Amino acid sequence: MKIKVCGMVSPGNLEQVCALQPDYVGFIFYAASKRYVGDSPDPALFRVPGAGIAKVGVFVNESLEKVRSVFEAGQVQMIQLHGEESPEYCRLLSSEGLPLIKALNARTDPELLKEYEEYVEFFLFDTPDPGYGGSGRKFDWNELKQIPSSFPFLLSGGIGADDADAVKEVKHAGLLGVDLNSAFESSPGIKRVEELKKFMQNISKK
């Protein structure tokens, strides 16, 4: 079960999170987010994750130029698109070698998913929200049943420390792992590390 911890803003807190060895850590490059890394983020933030932890930049309806510049600067290694980006937008970035994650809601038409599938590494299914994520609310996971089993994805939206068993009950061949964020926070961007540790231990149990 892959673990992505998103919305990191503090090098010190990130160092504690990375000691738990998640698979991905996320940095939000969306100014309207409470977890925005800022116009001039601390370079130390992007030096913390060690080998084997992929750095993901989260963008919402951003210009192609801005996404490219962050990727080319080496701040992130993957791009998560959390807005209304089209398959064509994804095609352009993918054709330049940028590994993509596309966030959608689980009610998305499977035919539209097919249009994205060629250009993304996997999907992320989150709770629909006018603020583009960070709602802290779960969606009805039964909606995942309409997602074809061939589409790999991370499950997101309000997953908390006590939800490991419920996640393990999700029977879908495409489920790669989970995206963890606001339910583990003491304040926006600051994660409660012991709760993350407990969740990660429980999710790995058979």
C-alpha atoms as a PDB file:
ATOM      1  CA  MET A   1       0.000   0.000   0.000  1.00  0.00           C
ATOM      2  CA  LYS A   2       1.646   3.226  -1.177  1.00  0.00           C
ATOM      3  CA  ILE A   3       1.577   6.225   1.174  1.00  0.00           C
ATOM      4  CA  LYS A   4       1.562   9.849   0.007  1.00  0.00           C
ATOM      5  CA  VAL A   5       1.690  12.598   2.639  1.00  0.00           C
ATOM      6  CA  CYS A   6       0.646  15.882   1.083  1.00  0.00           C
ATOM      7  CA  GLY A   7       0.693  19.556   1.972  1.00  0.00           C
ATOM      8  CA  MET A   8       4.134  19.818   3.558  1.00  0.00           C
ATOM      9  CA  VAL A   9       5.359  23.317   4.472  1.00  0.00           C
ATOM     10  CA  SER A  10       7.974  22.902   7.239  1.00  0.00           C
ATOM     11  CA  PRO A  11      11.431  21.375   6.717  1.00  0.00           C
ATOM     12  CA  GLY A  12      11.513  20.205  10.346  1.00  0.00           C
ATOM     13  CA  ASN A  13       8.115  18.543  10.225  1.00  0.00           C
ATOM     14  CA  LEU A  14       8.919  17.086   6.807  1.00  0.00           C
ATOM     15  CA  GLU A  15      12.087  15.523   8.188  1.00  0.00           C
ATOM     16  CA  GLN A  16      10.015  13.775  10.866  1.00  0.00           C
ATOM     17  CA  VAL A  17       7.504  12.567   8.269  1.00  0.00           C
ATOM     18  CA  CYS A  18      10.232  11.304   5.941  1.00  0.00           C
ATOM     19  CA  ALA A  19      11.726   9.263   8.798  1.00  0.00           C
ATOM     20  CA  LEU A  20       8.573   7.129   8.462  1.00  0.00           C
ATOM     21  CA  GLN A  21       9.517   6.387   4.830  1.00  0.00           C
ATOM     22  CA  PRO A  22       6.350   7.307   2.915  1.00  0.00           C
ATOM     23  CA  ASP A  23       6.498   6.678  -0.825  1.00  0.00           C
ATOM     24  CA  TYR A  24       5.590  10.252  -1.799  1.00  0.00           C
ATOM     25  CA  VAL A  25       5.496  13.684  -0.152  1.00  0.00           C
ATOM     26  CA  GLY A  26       3.494  16.509  -1.675  1.00  0.00           C
ATOM     27  CA  PHE A  27       4.108  20.249  -1.948  1.00  0.00           C
ATOM     28  CA  ILE A  28       1.231  22.519  -2.933  1.00  0.00           C
ATOM     29  CA  PHE A  29       1.962  25.233  -5.488  1.00  0.00           C
ATOM     30  CA  TYR A  30      -1.540  26.715  -5.394  1.00  0.00           C
ATOM     31  CA  ALA A  31      -1.728  30.150  -3.788  1.00  0.00           C
ATOM     32  CA  ALA A  32      -5.307  29.743  -2.538  1.00  0.00           C
ATOM     33  CA  SER A  33      -4.382  26.701  -0.444  1.00  0.00           C
ATOM     34  CA  LYS A  34      -3.710  26.971   3.287  1.00  0.00           C
ATOM     35  CA  ARG A  35      -0.728  24.713   2.585  1.00  0.00           C
ATOM     36  CA  TYR A  36       0.783  26.829  -0.199  1.00  0.00           C
ATOM     37  CA  VAL A  37       4.577  26.592  -0.168  1.00  0.00           C
ATOM     38  CA  GLY A  38       4.766  30.316  -0.914  1.00  0.00           C
ATOM     39  CA  ASP A  39       5.961  32.478  -3.765  1.00  0.00           C
ATOM     40  CA  SER A  40       9.597  31.905  -2.742  1.00  0.00           C
ATOM     41  CA  PRO A  41       9.606  28.593  -0.855  1.00  0.00           C
ATOM     42  CA  ASP A  42      12.509  27.652   1.389  1.00  0.00           C
ATOM     43  CA  PRO A  43      14.928  25.592  -0.765  1.00  0.00           C
ATOM     44  CA  ALA A  44      15.604  23.440   2.307  1.00  0.00           C
ATOM     45  CA  LEU A  45      12.065  22.087   2.030  1.00  0.00           C
ATOM     46  CA  PHE A  46      12.907  20.254  -1.186  1.00  0.00           C
ATOM     47  CA  ARG A  47      16.224  18.886   0.087  1.00  0.00           C
ATOM     48  CA  VAL A  48      14.709  16.931   2.982  1.00  0.00           C
ATOM     49  CA  PRO A  49      13.171  13.859   1.309  1.00  0.00           C
ATOM     50  CA  GLY A  50      15.703  11.079   1.040  1.00  0.00           C
ATOM     51  CA  ALA A  51      16.273   8.452  -1.592  1.00  0.00           C
ATOM     52  CA  GLY A  52      13.180   6.458  -2.378  1.00  0.00           C
ATOM     53  CA  ILE A  53      10.717   9.221  -1.444  1.00  0.00           C
ATOM     54  CA  ALA A  54       9.294  10.945  -4.508  1.00  0.00           C
ATOM     55  CA  LYS A  55       8.604  14.685  -4.324  1.00  0.00           C
ATOM     56  CA  VAL A  56       5.240  15.631  -5.842  1.00  0.00           C
ATOM     57  CA  GLY A  57       4.272  19.170  -6.820  1.00  0.00           C
ATOM     58  CA  VAL A  58       0.530  19.869  -6.674  1.00  0.00           C
ATOM     59  CA  PHE A  59      -0.835  22.406  -9.175  1.00  0.00           C
ATOM     60  CA  VAL A  60      -4.330  23.733  -9.888  1.00  0.00           C
ATOM     61  CA  ASN A  61      -5.114  25.132 -13.339  1.00  0.00           C
ATOM     62  CA  GLU A  62      -1.561  26.467 -13.553  1.00  0.00           C
ATOM     63  CA  SER A  63       0.229  27.640 -16.688  1.00  0.00           C
ATOM     64  CA  LEU A  64       2.340  25.034 -18.450  1.00  0.00           C
ATOM     65  CA  GLU A  65       5.320  27.362 -18.076  1.00  0.00           C
ATOM     66  CA  LYS A  66       5.057  27.471 -14.271  1.00  0.00           C
ATOM     67  CA  VAL A  67       4.715  23.687 -13.982  1.00  0.00           C
ATOM     68  CA  ARG A  68       7.699  23.159 -16.250  1.00  0.00           C
ATOM     69  CA  SER A  69       9.833  25.662 -14.342  1.00  0.00           C
ATOM     70  CA  VAL A  70       9.245  23.993 -10.953  1.00  0.00           C
ATOM     71  CA  PHE A  71       9.965  20.562 -12.406  1.00  0.00           C
ATOM     72  CA  GLU A  72      13.076  21.687 -14.276  1.00  0.00           C
ATOM     73  CA  ALA A  73      14.402  23.397 -11.144  1.00  0.00           C
ATOM     74  CA  GLY A  74      14.452  19.972  -9.479  1.00  0.00           C
ATOM     75  CA  GLN A  75      12.073  20.978  -6.695  1.00  0.00           C
ATOM     76  CA  VAL A  76       9.761  18.064  -7.528  1.00  0.00           C
ATOM     77  CA  GLN A  77       9.942  14.783  -9.416  1.00  0.00           C
ATOM     78  CA  MET A  78       6.252  14.271 -10.195  1.00  0.00           C
ATOM     79  CA  ILE A  79       3.378  16.598 -11.005  1.00  0.00           C
ATOM     80  CA  GLN A  80      -0.114  16.256  -9.514  1.00  0.00           C
ATOM     81  CA  LEU A  81      -2.805  18.138 -11.409  1.00  0.00           C
ATOM     82  CA  HIS A  82      -5.686  18.931  -9.078  1.00  0.00           C
ATOM     83  CA  GLY A  83      -7.791  21.291 -11.173  1.00  0.00           C
ATOM     84  CA  GLU A  84      -9.658  21.107 -14.464  1.00  0.00           C
ATOM     85  CA  GLU A  85      -6.652  20.283 -16.612  1.00  0.00           C
ATOM     86  CA  SER A  86      -7.632  18.635 -19.906  1.00  0.00           C
ATOM     87  CA  PRO A  87      -6.234  15.462 -21.451  1.00  0.00           C
ATOM     88  CA  GLU A  88      -4.472  17.706 -23.973  1.00  0.00           C
ATOM     89  CA  TYR A  89      -2.800  19.655 -21.157  1.00  0.00           C
ATOM     90  CA  CYS A  90      -1.609  16.326 -19.727  1.00  0.00           C
ATOM     91  CA  ARG A  91      -0.410  15.185 -23.135  1.00  0.00           C
ATOM     92  CA  LEU A  92       1.793  18.244 -23.520  1.00  0.00           C
ATOM     93  CA  LEU A  93       3.504  17.752 -20.164  1.00  0.00           C
ATOM     94  CA  SER A  94       3.775  13.988 -20.529  1.00  0.00           C
ATOM     95  CA  SER A  95       5.384  14.358 -23.960  1.00  0.00           C
ATOM     96  CA  GLU A  96       8.142  16.396 -22.275  1.00  0.00           C
ATOM     97  CA  GLY A  97       8.863  13.640 -19.771  1.00  0.00           C
ATOM     98  CA  LEU A  98       6.987  14.975 -16.739  1.00  0.00           C
ATOM     99  CA  PRO A  99       5.442  12.102 -14.720  1.00  0.00           C
ATOM    100  CA  LEU A 100       1.829  13.019 -13.933  1.00  0.00           C
ATOM    101  CA  ILE A 101      -0.861  12.220 -11.382  1.00  0.00           C
ATOM    102  CA  LYS A 102      -4.352  13.457 -12.267  1.00  0.00           C
ATOM    103  CA  ALA A 103      -6.791  14.133  -9.442  1.00  0.00           C
ATOM    104  CA  LEU A 104     -10.439  13.531 -10.302  1.00  0.00           C
ATOM    105  CA  ASN A 105     -13.578  12.448  -8.508  1.00  0.00           C
ATOM    106  CA  ALA A 106     -14.734   8.847  -8.610  1.00  0.00           C
ATOM    107  CA  ARG A 107     -17.876   9.776 -10.540  1.00  0.00           C
ATOM    108  CA  THR A 108     -15.784  10.765 -13.570  1.00  0.00           C
ATOM    109  CA  ASP A 109     -16.980   9.108 -16.778  1.00  0.00           C
ATOM    110  CA  PRO A 110     -14.763   6.063 -17.452  1.00  0.00           C
ATOM    111  CA  GLU A 111     -14.534   7.161 -21.083  1.00  0.00           C
ATOM    112  CA  LEU A 112     -12.906  10.413 -19.942  1.00  0.00           C
ATOM    113  CA  LEU A 113     -10.562   8.447 -17.698  1.00  0.00           C
ATOM    114  CA  LYS A 114      -9.438   6.553 -20.774  1.00  0.00           C
ATOM    115  CA  GLU A 115      -8.508   9.852 -22.425  1.00  0.00           C
ATOM    116  CA  TYR A 116      -6.221  10.709 -19.502  1.00  0.00           C
ATOM    117  CA  GLU A 117      -4.861   7.218 -18.929  1.00  0.00           C
ATOM    118  CA  GLU A 118      -2.225   7.350 -21.659  1.00  0.00           C
ATOM    119  CA  TYR A 119      -0.602  10.427 -20.128  1.00  0.00           C
ATOM    120  CA  VAL A 120      -0.662   9.794 -16.377  1.00  0.00           C
ATOM    121  CA  GLU A 121       1.179   7.428 -14.047  1.00  0.00           C
ATOM    122  CA  PHE A 122      -1.986   6.969 -12.011  1.00  0.00           C
ATOM    123  CA  PHE A 123      -5.078   8.811 -10.796  1.00  0.00           C
ATOM    124  CA  LEU A 124      -5.984  10.256  -7.417  1.00  0.00           C
ATOM    125  CA  PHE A 125      -9.656  10.127  -6.457  1.00  0.00           C
ATOM    126  CA  ASP A 126     -10.662  12.858  -4.032  1.00  0.00           C
ATOM    127  CA  THR A 127     -13.827  14.400  -2.611  1.00  0.00           C
ATOM    128  CA  PRO A 128     -15.235  17.005  -5.035  1.00  0.00           C
ATOM    129  CA  ASP A 129     -14.805  20.484  -3.568  1.00  0.00           C
ATOM    130  CA  PRO A 130     -15.015  24.010  -5.013  1.00  0.00           C
ATOM    131  CA  GLY A 131     -11.718  24.768  -3.282  1.00  0.00           C
ATOM    132  CA  TYR A 132      -9.862  22.011  -5.198  1.00  0.00           C
ATOM    133  CA  GLY A 133      -9.144  19.572  -2.400  1.00  0.00           C
ATOM    134  CA  GLY A 134      -8.335  19.898   1.267  1.00  0.00           C
ATOM    135  CA  SER A 135     -11.980  19.574   2.295  1.00  0.00           C
ATOM    136  CA  GLY A 136     -11.148  16.942   4.920  1.00  0.00           C
ATOM    137  CA  ARG A 137     -14.259  15.014   3.900  1.00  0.00           C
ATOM    138  CA  LYS A 138     -14.592  11.457   2.631  1.00  0.00           C
ATOM    139  CA  PHE A 139     -16.625  10.593  -0.429  1.00  0.00           C
ATOM    140  CA  ASP A 140     -18.697   7.420  -0.768  1.00  0.00           C
ATOM    141  CA  TRP A 141     -16.056   4.806  -1.556  1.00  0.00           C
ATOM    142  CA  ASN A 142     -18.741   2.666  -3.199  1.00  0.00           C
ATOM    143  CA  GLU A 143     -18.381   5.070  -6.135  1.00  0.00           C
ATOM    144  CA  LEU A 144     -15.050   3.384  -6.872  1.00  0.00           C
ATOM    145  CA  LYS A 145     -16.949   0.364  -8.164  1.00  0.00           C
ATOM    146  CA  GLN A 146     -17.590   2.150 -11.460  1.00  0.00           C
ATOM    147  CA  ILE A 147     -13.849   2.714 -12.005  1.00  0.00           C
ATOM    148  CA  PRO A 148     -12.434   0.031 -14.349  1.00  0.00           C
ATOM    149  CA  SER A 149     -10.025  -2.265 -12.524  1.00  0.00           C
ATOM    150  CA  SER A 150      -7.232  -1.423 -14.974  1.00  0.00           C
ATOM    151  CA  PHE A 151      -6.970   2.195 -13.756  1.00  0.00           C
ATOM    152  CA  PRO A 152      -4.453   2.524 -10.879  1.00  0.00           C
ATOM    153  CA  PHE A 153      -5.181   5.212  -8.269  1.00  0.00           C
ATOM    154  CA  LEU A 154      -4.531   6.650  -4.835  1.00  0.00           C
ATOM    155  CA  LEU A 155      -7.513   7.131  -2.522  1.00  0.00           C
ATOM    156  CA  SER A 156      -7.812  10.591  -0.972  1.00  0.00           C
ATOM    157  CA  GLY A 157     -10.258  12.736   0.991  1.00  0.00           C
ATOM    158  CA  GLY A 158     -10.491  12.915   4.778  1.00  0.00           C
ATOM    159  CA  ILE A 159      -8.606   9.685   5.526  1.00  0.00           C
ATOM    160  CA  GLY A 160      -7.590   9.729   9.199  1.00  0.00           C
ATOM    161  CA  ALA A 161      -5.597   7.748  11.732  1.00  0.00           C
ATOM    162  CA  ASP A 162      -8.423   5.290  12.450  1.00  0.00           C
ATOM    163  CA  ASP A 163      -9.252   4.507   8.816  1.00  0.00           C
ATOM    164  CA  ALA A 164      -6.579   1.922   8.001  1.00  0.00           C
ATOM    165  CA  ASP A 165      -8.909  -1.060   8.398  1.00  0.00           C
ATOM    166  CA  ALA A 166     -11.611   0.604   6.291  1.00  0.00           C
ATOM    167  CA  VAL A 167      -9.109   1.295   3.505  1.00  0.00           C
ATOM    168  CA  LYS A 168      -8.043  -2.355   3.554  1.00  0.00           C
ATOM    169  CA  GLU A 169     -11.684  -3.312   3.029  1.00  0.00           C
ATOM    170  CA  VAL A 170     -11.775  -1.473  -0.315  1.00  0.00           C
ATOM    171  CA  LYS A 171     -11.762  -4.233  -2.914  1.00  0.00           C
ATOM    172  CA  HIS A 172     -10.502  -2.684  -6.131  1.00  0.00           C
ATOM    173  CA  ALA A 173      -7.603  -3.987  -8.193  1.00  0.00           C
ATOM    174  CA  GLY A 174      -6.528  -0.452  -9.062  1.00  0.00           C
ATOM    175  CA  LEU A 175      -6.038   0.744  -5.486  1.00  0.00           C
ATOM    176  CA  LEU A 176      -2.326   1.577  -5.119  1.00  0.00           C
ATOM    177  CA  GLY A 177      -2.458   3.415  -1.818  1.00  0.00           C
ATOM    178  CA  VAL A 178      -3.653   6.509  -0.001  1.00  0.00           C
ATOM    179  CA  ASP A 179      -3.093  10.245   0.049  1.00  0.00           C
ATOM    180  CA  LEU A 180      -2.973  11.657   3.600  1.00  0.00           C
ATOM    181  CA  ASN A 181      -3.306  15.307   4.509  1.00  0.00           C
ATOM    182  CA  SER A 182      -5.590  17.423   6.691  1.00  0.00           C
ATOM    183  CA  ALA A 183      -6.922  14.693   9.014  1.00  0.00           C
ATOM    184  CA  PHE A 184      -3.375  14.256  10.365  1.00  0.00           C
ATOM    185  CA  GLU A 185      -2.670  17.939  11.016  1.00  0.00           C
ATOM    186  CA  SER A 186      -2.295  20.038  14.143  1.00  0.00           C
ATOM    187  CA  SER A 187      -2.371  23.152  11.909  1.00  0.00           C
ATOM    188  CA  PRO A 188      -2.354  23.592   8.112  1.00  0.00           C
ATOM    189  CA  GLY A 189       0.702  21.813   6.736  1.00  0.00           C
ATOM    190  CA  ILE A 190       1.979  20.515  10.102  1.00  0.00           C
ATOM    191  CA  LYS A 191       1.459  16.769  10.471  1.00  0.00           C
ATOM    192  CA  ARG A 192       0.983  14.815  13.688  1.00  0.00           C
ATOM    193  CA  VAL A 193       3.777  12.328  13.134  1.00  0.00           C
ATOM    194  CA  GLU A 194       2.717   9.763  15.730  1.00  0.00           C
ATOM    195  CA  GLU A 195      -0.716   9.462  14.108  1.00  0.00           C
ATOM    196  CA  LEU A 196       0.906   8.982  10.710  1.00  0.00           C
ATOM    197  CA  LYS A 197       3.151   6.307  12.186  1.00  0.00           C
ATOM    198  CA  LYS A 198       0.171   4.488  13.706  1.00  0.00           C
ATOM    199  CA  PHE A 199      -1.738   4.588  10.421  1.00  0.00           C
ATOM    200  CA  MET A 200       1.228   3.359   8.381  1.00  0.00           C
ATOM    201  CA  GLN A 201       1.830   0.477  10.791  1.00  0.00           C
ATOM    202  CA  ASN A 202      -1.825  -0.545  10.680  1.00  0.00           C
ATOM    203  CA  ILE A 203      -2.204  -0.292   6.909  1.00  0.00           C
ATOM    204  CA  SER A 204       0.786  -2.614   6.442  1.00  0.00           C
ATOM    205  CA  LYS A 205      -0.655  -5.361   8.666  1.00  0.00           C
ATOM    206  CA  LYS A 206      -2.214  -8.318   6.901  1.00  0.00           C
END
